Amino acid sequence: MANIPTEFRNVTALTKANVYFDGRVVSHSILFADGSRKTLGLIYPGKFHFGTDKAERMEIVAGQCTVKLDGQPKTATYAAGQFFEVPARSGFDIEVASGICEYVCSFLP
């Protein structure tokens, strides 16, 4: 299991939400002094596809989701304290069967 952060200090939080899929996926961006960015979000029950420009690391804070990376034949389930990475210029399907999945998305170099 990963050491998922419980807080971020000395950041700028953007108040405008990133809203996807009619509000079933919502996140807020936080900006760090070094120029990096993360999003903190919620995924409500449903199945969604996301494309990536940059590589991403999705850390699950609470809840559970099932993920299938583009080009991969199998799915994997992730719960609180776990993470998965998505290559740049790729994508993934993510499904939340019940409850709310909370996540931190880091954009990798």
Protein backbone atom coordinates (compact mmCIF):
# COMPACT_ATOMS: atom_id res chain seq x y z
CA MET A 1 0.00 0.00 0.00
CA ALA A 2 1.11 3.52 -0.77
CA ASN A 3 1.46 6.31 1.76
CA ILE A 4 -1.42 8.47 0.50
CA PRO A 5 -1.15 12.08 1.72
CA THR A 6 -3.86 13.34 4.08
CA GLU A 7 -3.14 17.03 3.50
CA PHE A 8 -1.11 19.41 1.36
CA ARG A 9 0.45 22.55 2.86
CA ASN A 10 1.43 25.83 1.22
CA VAL A 11 -0.60 25.33 -1.96
CA THR A 12 -2.97 27.43 -4.00
CA ALA A 13 -6.42 25.88 -4.33
CA LEU A 14 -8.47 26.83 -7.38
CA THR A 15 -12.11 27.37 -6.47
CA LYS A 16 -13.54 26.58 -9.91
CA ALA A 17 -14.34 22.86 -10.05
CA ASN A 18 -13.52 20.54 -12.93
CA VAL A 19 -16.90 18.91 -13.58
CA TYR A 20 -17.25 15.85 -15.83
CA PHE A 21 -20.05 13.48 -16.80
CA ASP A 22 -22.94 15.66 -15.61
CA GLY A 23 -21.35 16.14 -12.19
CA ARG A 24 -20.65 12.49 -11.48
CA VAL A 25 -16.90 13.22 -11.42
CA VAL A 26 -15.76 16.47 -9.77
CA SER A 27 -12.27 17.67 -8.87
CA HIS A 28 -10.43 20.79 -7.75
CA SER A 29 -6.90 21.71 -8.78
CA ILE A 30 -4.16 22.59 -6.34
CA LEU A 31 -0.97 24.32 -7.42
CA PHE A 32 2.42 23.93 -5.75
CA ALA A 33 5.23 26.50 -5.48
CA ASP A 34 7.42 24.37 -7.78
CA GLY A 35 4.83 24.68 -10.58
CA SER A 36 3.42 21.17 -10.24
CA ARG A 37 -0.31 20.52 -10.03
CA LYS A 38 -2.60 17.89 -8.57
CA THR A 39 -6.32 17.43 -8.55
CA LEU A 40 -8.41 16.24 -5.62
CA GLY A 41 -11.66 14.63 -6.67
CA LEU A 42 -14.75 12.53 -6.16
CA ILE A 43 -16.16 9.88 -8.46
CA TYR A 44 -19.79 8.89 -7.95
CA PRO A 45 -21.17 5.51 -9.06
CA GLY A 46 -20.88 4.88 -12.79
CA LYS A 47 -18.41 3.97 -15.51
CA PHE A 48 -16.30 6.67 -17.15
CA HIS A 49 -13.45 6.97 -19.67
CA PHE A 50 -10.65 9.51 -19.33
CA GLY A 51 -7.91 10.34 -21.79
CA THR A 52 -4.49 11.56 -20.68
CA ASP A 53 -2.05 13.98 -22.23
CA LYS A 54 0.51 13.64 -19.44
CA ALA A 55 1.27 10.57 -17.38
CA GLU A 56 -0.83 10.41 -14.21
CA ARG A 57 -0.75 8.72 -10.82
CA MET A 58 -4.18 8.16 -9.30
CA GLU A 59 -4.07 7.61 -5.53
CA ILE A 60 -7.27 6.34 -3.95
CA VAL A 61 -8.04 8.16 -0.70
CA ALA A 62 -11.39 6.50 0.11
CA GLY A 63 -13.81 4.12 -1.55
CA GLN A 64 -13.04 1.66 -4.32
CA CYS A 65 -12.87 1.59 -8.11
CA THR A 66 -12.18 -0.82 -10.94
CA VAL A 67 -9.80 0.35 -13.66
CA LYS A 68 -8.90 -0.83 -17.15
CA LEU A 69 -5.97 0.92 -18.80
CA ASP A 70 -6.24 1.50 -22.54
CA GLY A 71 -4.59 -1.34 -24.44
CA GLN A 72 -4.62 -3.71 -21.47
CA PRO A 73 -6.85 -6.81 -21.44
CA LYS A 74 -7.53 -6.99 -17.70
CA THR A 75 -9.13 -4.80 -15.06
CA ALA A 76 -7.82 -4.21 -11.55
CA THR A 77 -9.59 -3.05 -8.41
CA TYR A 78 -8.11 -0.33 -6.20
CA ALA A 79 -9.17 0.70 -2.71
CA ALA A 80 -8.13 3.34 -0.19
CA GLY A 81 -4.36 3.47 0.16
CA GLN A 82 -3.65 2.06 -3.30
CA PHE A 83 -2.74 3.75 -6.58
CA PHE A 84 -2.39 3.15 -10.30
CA GLU A 85 -0.45 4.95 -13.01
CA VAL A 86 -1.57 5.85 -16.51
CA PRO A 87 0.91 6.47 -19.34
CA ALA A 88 0.98 9.76 -21.23
CA ARG A 89 -1.20 10.04 -24.35
CA SER A 90 -3.31 7.13 -23.19
CA GLY A 91 -6.48 6.64 -21.18
CA PHE A 92 -8.43 4.46 -18.83
CA ASP A 93 -11.91 3.28 -17.94
CA ILE A 94 -12.83 3.68 -14.29
CA GLU A 95 -15.91 2.27 -12.60
CA VAL A 96 -17.30 2.95 -9.15
CA ALA A 97 -19.95 0.37 -8.27
CA SER A 98 -21.24 2.03 -5.10
CA GLY A 99 -20.43 4.82 -2.69
CA ILE A 100 -17.96 7.55 -3.58
CA CYS A 101 -14.36 7.08 -4.64
CA GLU A 102 -12.07 9.91 -3.48
CA TYR A 103 -8.75 10.41 -5.23
CA VAL A 104 -5.62 12.51 -5.66
CA CYS A 105 -4.37 12.75 -9.23
CA SER A 106 -0.72 13.72 -9.72
CA PHE A 107 0.53 14.73 -13.13
CA LEU A 108 3.89 13.05 -13.69
CA PRO A 109 6.87 14.53 -15.55
